Structures are given as C-alpha cells and as structure tokens.
C-alpha cells in the first residue's frame, strides 16, 4: 500500500495551521519575543532605559576555542527552524522555495535590490536608534563583545547571516504563506507580522520596536508586490554585518553616541 504524500498544497484544517504556526514560532522567534517583552518590563521597572545597555554577540566561555565552539553551536541551532519551515513548505515536483523568490535566476537584480535596501533601511535604522537614544526610549546596544581573535569577524558574519535567514524566512516566507491560507488579508498580514518583528526586538527598547516595525512594513509591501524573498535576506545580512563588524570602529570614531 502506498502512503499519501502531503505537501504545501494539501488542504489543512485551520486548527492544524494554527497549531503548526504556534509550534514553529515556539521553536524560534516567538520565544524570542516573549523573552524580549519580559526583559523590557524588567528594564523599565529597574532604571531609565537611557542609562542601560544590552549586549549582543557575547562570549560564551573564557577559553577562546570553547567560545568559538559555543558560538558556532548557537548559530547552527538557531538556523534549524529555518530548515524546518523550508521542509514544511517544500512541494515535491514543484519546489516552493522558488516561488518564495529564493531562486538564483536573478542574482544581479536580487543583489542590487538587497544592497539598495540595506543602504536605505540601514541609514534610517541608525537615525531611529539615535533618536530613540536621545528620547531615552532605547537602551545602548553593544553589538560586538567578542574578543579579538582570528575567528571573531567570521563568527560575526555568520551571526548576521543567521539573523537574516531566521527572520526573513520565518517572518515573511513562512508566515505570509500560512496566514494567507488562514484567510487573512494582505494588509492584515503585513501589519501583524511587522508588529511581531518589532516585538522580539523590544529588549532594545521602544525605538528598536518602531524601527523594525517600519522595516517589516516596507519588506512586507515589497514582498506582496514582487514576490521576491532573497533581496530581503541580502539586505538584512548586510545591515547586521555592518552593525556587528563596524561597531568597534563606530564606537571609537563617535564615542559620544555610545
């Protein structure tokens, strides 16, 4: 007896779709959002946000070789949910990932679009961050706290890639497809996923929520209009790579801002 093959086109009940979404988010960014909200409440009830600092890319061991191993393990584990959603959305005989706009048939256009988005969104993001710091609604974000080792820059770049893959594949690629199948309208999906994108950045304060919400609105509008996911992955990677790798230079060049 031949078993039935289920793929992304197979009808699923609404309850099953909701359960699937809850499981995927519980294994990835949904948990991050809960931690971010709790951390924000903790910070707000402790001291003014302006005087607080949150650290990214922190050491996991005092011994460099084990720190490297922990960093690589952390990045690898964080990418597993991305592999999961790709597996869920994959269709035999007609790869769903190509329809998500992840194919490499337009590498020049996708790369150029990603670069333009990175420049525009990155510049706006810096402005929102500085405004948030001036208003006292954003904590100081220390983006590079690893030691000066031969592997520091490669690990920071891998961390930027992990963030780009995780956020764009799950928040846009996966959630947009699943929420459409639940019957949600275009702008309901764009706004709700943008709020979600901002929520797991709340540990940085309200300014980061606003900046990432705006980024989600722009990416969502472009995705629903052109159906290409890869430019957002490229843009996100470039923004985070510039932030992580360039943080030390920016801190030494503009000490008054950090």
Protein backbone atom coordinates (compact mmCIF):
# COMPACT_ATOMS: atom_id res chain seq x y z
CA UNK A 1 0.00 0.00 0.00
CA UNK A 2 1.36 3.42 -0.97
CA UNK A 3 1.10 6.11 1.66
CA UNK A 4 -0.41 9.51 0.89
CA UNK A 5 2.06 12.30 0.24
CA UNK A 6 1.34 15.61 1.95
CA UNK A 7 2.87 18.81 0.62
CA UNK A 8 2.34 22.55 0.96
CA UNK A 9 -0.67 22.41 -1.39
CA UNK A 10 -2.51 19.77 0.65
CA UNK A 11 -5.59 21.27 2.39
CA UNK A 12 -5.06 21.64 6.13
CA UNK A 13 -7.65 22.49 8.74
CA UNK A 14 -7.48 25.94 10.30
CA UNK A 15 -6.76 24.43 13.71
CA UNK A 16 -3.89 22.40 12.26
CA UNK A 17 -2.45 25.50 10.60
CA UNK A 18 -2.69 27.48 13.84
CA UNK A 19 -1.01 24.65 15.75
CA UNK A 20 1.77 24.44 13.17
CA UNK A 21 2.39 28.19 13.35
CA UNK A 22 2.45 28.08 17.16
CA UNK A 23 4.99 25.22 17.12
CA UNK A 24 7.27 26.93 14.58
CA UNK A 25 7.21 30.24 16.46
CA UNK A 26 7.61 28.47 19.79
CA UNK A 27 10.81 26.94 18.47
CA UNK A 28 12.13 30.23 17.12
CA UNK A 29 11.20 33.91 17.14
CA UNK A 30 8.03 33.56 19.19
CA UNK A 31 10.10 32.54 22.18
CA UNK A 32 12.48 35.42 21.46
CA UNK A 33 9.51 37.81 21.52
CA UNK A 34 8.39 36.55 24.94
CA UNK A 35 11.89 36.92 26.38
CA UNK A 36 12.20 40.41 24.84
CA UNK A 37 8.90 41.56 26.40
CA UNK A 38 9.87 40.23 29.82
CA UNK A 39 13.31 41.85 29.56
CA UNK A 40 11.74 45.19 28.60
CA UNK A 41 9.42 45.05 31.63
CA UNK A 42 12.39 44.16 33.82
CA UNK A 43 14.39 47.08 32.42
CA UNK A 44 11.52 49.57 32.76
CA UNK A 45 11.00 48.67 36.41
CA UNK A 46 14.71 48.82 37.20
CA UNK A 47 16.05 52.11 35.82
CA UNK A 48 15.55 54.55 32.90
CA UNK A 49 16.23 52.88 29.55
CA UNK A 50 18.67 55.59 28.50
CA UNK A 51 21.18 54.52 31.13
CA UNK A 52 21.03 50.81 30.34
CA UNK A 53 22.99 48.65 27.89
CA UNK A 54 22.17 45.39 26.16
CA UNK A 55 24.96 43.28 24.71
CA UNK A 56 24.89 41.27 21.50
CA UNK A 57 27.39 38.62 20.40
CA UNK A 58 28.66 37.97 23.90
CA UNK A 59 31.39 35.47 24.89
CA UNK A 60 30.18 32.04 25.99
CA UNK A 61 33.45 30.88 27.54
CA UNK A 62 36.65 32.39 28.92
CA UNK A 63 38.63 29.95 26.75
CA UNK A 64 38.76 31.07 23.10
CA UNK A 65 38.48 27.64 21.47
CA UNK A 66 35.39 26.75 23.53
CA UNK A 67 33.95 30.20 22.96
CA UNK A 68 34.26 29.55 19.22
CA UNK A 69 32.59 26.16 19.55
CA UNK A 70 29.73 27.60 21.60
CA UNK A 71 29.25 30.43 19.10
CA UNK A 72 29.08 28.02 16.16
CA UNK A 73 26.72 25.70 18.03
CA UNK A 74 24.41 28.58 18.91
CA UNK A 75 24.29 29.80 15.31
CA UNK A 76 23.66 26.28 13.99
CA UNK A 77 20.82 25.59 16.43
CA UNK A 78 19.17 28.94 15.59
CA UNK A 79 19.09 28.03 11.88
CA UNK A 80 17.28 24.71 12.47
CA UNK A 81 13.81 26.37 12.48
CA UNK A 82 14.66 27.86 9.08
CA UNK A 83 15.36 24.36 7.77
CA UNK A 84 12.08 23.25 9.35
CA UNK A 85 9.94 25.85 7.57
CA UNK A 86 11.70 25.11 4.27
CA UNK A 87 10.85 21.44 4.78
CA UNK A 88 7.23 22.27 5.63
CA UNK A 89 6.77 24.46 2.57
CA UNK A 90 8.63 22.25 0.13
CA UNK A 91 6.45 20.78 -2.62
CA UNK A 92 7.55 17.64 -4.48
CA UNK A 93 7.78 18.22 -8.23
CA UNK A 94 7.40 21.99 -7.77
CA UNK A 95 9.81 23.48 -5.24
CA UNK A 96 8.00 26.04 -3.10
CA UNK A 97 11.21 27.85 -2.30
CA UNK A 98 11.47 29.02 -5.89
CA UNK A 99 8.01 30.52 -5.65
CA UNK A 100 9.07 32.31 -2.48
CA UNK A 101 11.64 34.17 -4.51
CA UNK A 102 14.68 32.35 -3.15
CA UNK A 103 15.83 31.02 -6.52
CA UNK A 104 19.04 32.27 -8.11
CA UNK A 105 17.71 33.04 -11.58
CA UNK A 106 18.02 36.80 -10.99
CA UNK A 107 21.20 37.11 -8.91
CA UNK A 108 22.21 40.56 -10.18
CA UNK A 109 18.79 42.15 -9.70
CA UNK A 110 18.24 40.50 -6.31
CA UNK A 111 21.70 41.52 -5.11
CA UNK A 112 21.31 45.10 -6.35
CA UNK A 113 17.88 45.39 -4.73
CA UNK A 114 19.23 43.96 -1.48
CA UNK A 115 22.12 46.43 -1.50
CA UNK A 116 19.82 49.41 -2.09
CA UNK A 117 17.50 48.26 0.67
CA UNK A 118 20.46 47.79 3.02
CA UNK A 119 21.68 51.34 2.42
CA UNK A 120 18.24 52.92 2.78
CA UNK A 121 16.96 50.85 5.69
CA UNK A 122 20.35 50.86 7.42
CA UNK A 123 20.61 54.65 7.31
CA UNK A 124 17.03 55.03 8.54
CA UNK A 125 17.70 52.48 11.27
CA UNK A 126 20.70 54.44 12.56
CA UNK A 127 18.55 57.56 12.64
CA UNK A 128 15.77 55.82 14.57
CA UNK A 129 18.31 54.36 17.01
CA UNK A 130 19.94 57.74 17.68
CA UNK A 131 16.53 59.42 18.06
CA UNK A 132 15.47 56.70 20.48
CA UNK A 133 18.64 57.21 22.50
CA UNK A 134 18.07 60.98 22.56
CA UNK A 135 14.47 60.48 23.74
CA UNK A 136 15.55 57.93 26.34
CA UNK A 137 13.33 55.14 24.98
CA UNK A 138 16.13 52.93 23.62
CA UNK A 139 18.92 51.22 25.51
CA UNK A 140 22.53 51.41 24.41
CA UNK A 141 23.17 48.44 22.13
CA UNK A 142 26.68 46.99 22.31
CA UNK A 143 26.88 44.88 19.15
CA UNK A 144 30.33 43.28 19.36
CA UNK A 145 31.57 41.92 22.65
CA UNK A 146 33.75 39.06 21.42
CA UNK A 147 37.49 39.18 21.90
CA UNK A 148 39.95 40.00 19.13
CA UNK A 149 40.55 36.51 17.74
CA UNK A 150 41.16 35.23 14.23
CA UNK A 151 37.62 33.87 14.17
CA UNK A 152 35.85 36.96 15.50
CA UNK A 153 34.87 38.54 12.17
CA UNK A 154 33.80 35.22 10.55
CA UNK A 155 31.60 34.44 13.56
CA UNK A 156 30.06 37.93 13.47
CA UNK A 157 29.30 37.46 9.76
CA UNK A 158 27.76 34.06 10.43
CA UNK A 159 25.69 35.62 13.20
CA UNK A 160 24.46 38.25 10.75
CA UNK A 161 23.59 35.53 8.23
CA UNK A 162 21.76 33.54 10.91
CA UNK A 163 19.66 36.56 11.81
CA UNK A 164 18.84 37.31 8.16
CA UNK A 165 17.84 33.74 7.36
CA UNK A 166 15.84 33.24 10.54
CA UNK A 167 13.86 36.46 10.39
CA UNK A 168 13.14 36.69 6.67
CA UNK A 169 12.38 33.03 6.04
CA UNK A 170 10.13 32.71 9.10
CA UNK A 171 8.50 36.14 9.38
CA UNK A 172 7.96 36.73 5.68
CA UNK A 173 8.45 33.49 3.76
CA UNK A 174 6.68 31.14 6.16
CA UNK A 175 4.16 33.33 7.98
CA UNK A 176 2.91 35.10 4.86
CA UNK A 177 2.16 31.77 3.19
CA UNK A 178 0.50 30.27 6.25
CA UNK A 179 -1.51 33.37 7.17
CA UNK A 180 -2.80 33.61 3.59
CA UNK A 181 -4.06 30.05 3.90
CA UNK A 182 -5.85 31.06 7.09
CA UNK A 183 -7.70 33.66 5.02
CA UNK A 184 -6.07 36.83 6.34
CA UNK A 185 -5.94 39.83 4.00
CA UNK A 186 -2.79 41.41 2.60
CA UNK A 187 -2.55 44.37 4.96
CA UNK A 188 -3.61 42.36 7.99
CA UNK A 189 -0.66 40.05 7.31
CA UNK A 190 1.76 42.91 6.69
CA UNK A 191 0.80 44.83 9.83
CA UNK A 192 0.58 41.79 12.15
CA UNK A 193 3.94 40.36 11.07
CA UNK A 194 5.54 43.80 11.33
CA UNK A 195 4.30 44.09 14.93
CA UNK A 196 5.71 40.63 15.57
CA UNK A 197 9.05 41.63 14.00
CA UNK A 198 9.23 44.63 16.31
CA UNK A 199 8.21 42.60 19.38
CA UNK A 200 11.29 40.38 19.50
CA UNK A 201 13.47 43.50 19.36
CA UNK A 202 11.80 45.09 22.41
CA UNK A 203 14.73 44.10 24.61
CA UNK A 204 16.50 47.04 22.91
CA UNK A 205 13.71 49.46 23.84
CA UNK A 206 10.81 51.13 22.07
CA UNK A 207 12.94 52.77 19.40
CA UNK A 208 14.04 49.41 18.04
CA UNK A 209 10.43 48.24 18.03
CA UNK A 210 9.44 51.22 15.87
CA UNK A 211 12.41 50.80 13.53
CA UNK A 212 11.83 47.09 12.99
CA UNK A 213 8.08 47.59 12.62
CA UNK A 214 8.76 50.09 9.82
CA UNK A 215 11.24 47.69 8.23
CA UNK A 216 8.63 44.93 8.34
CA UNK A 217 6.03 47.16 6.69
CA UNK A 218 8.41 48.03 3.86
CA UNK A 219 9.61 44.46 3.32
CA UNK A 220 6.06 43.13 3.53
CA UNK A 221 4.71 45.60 0.98
CA UNK A 222 7.54 44.84 -1.42
CA UNK A 223 7.16 41.09 -0.95
CA UNK A 224 3.43 41.09 -1.63
CA UNK A 225 4.05 43.24 -4.69
CA UNK A 226 7.05 41.47 -6.25
CA UNK A 227 7.21 38.07 -4.53
CA UNK A 228 10.98 38.01 -4.04
CA UNK A 229 12.38 36.99 -0.65
CA UNK A 230 16.10 36.84 -1.45
CA UNK A 231 16.62 40.66 -1.62
CA UNK A 232 15.40 40.97 1.98
CA UNK A 233 17.76 38.23 3.14
CA UNK A 234 20.65 40.04 1.43
CA UNK A 235 19.64 43.43 2.83
CA UNK A 236 19.20 42.07 6.36
CA UNK A 237 22.56 40.32 6.22
CA UNK A 238 24.36 43.45 5.02
CA UNK A 239 22.74 45.63 7.70
CA UNK A 240 23.61 43.26 10.54
CA UNK A 241 27.09 42.54 9.16
CA UNK A 242 27.85 46.26 9.00
CA UNK A 243 26.48 46.70 12.54
CA UNK A 244 28.33 43.78 14.10
CA UNK A 245 31.67 44.22 12.33
CA UNK A 246 31.62 48.01 12.24
CA UNK A 247 30.52 48.56 15.83
CA UNK A 248 34.07 48.80 17.18
CA UNK A 249 35.04 51.38 14.56
CA UNK A 250 31.87 53.41 15.13
CA UNK A 251 32.37 53.37 18.90
CA UNK A 252 35.92 54.67 18.62
CA UNK A 253 35.05 57.23 15.93
CA UNK A 254 31.88 58.57 17.57
CA UNK A 255 32.37 57.90 21.30
CA UNK A 256 29.67 60.36 22.29
CA UNK A 257 26.97 58.20 20.68
CA UNK A 258 27.78 55.03 22.64
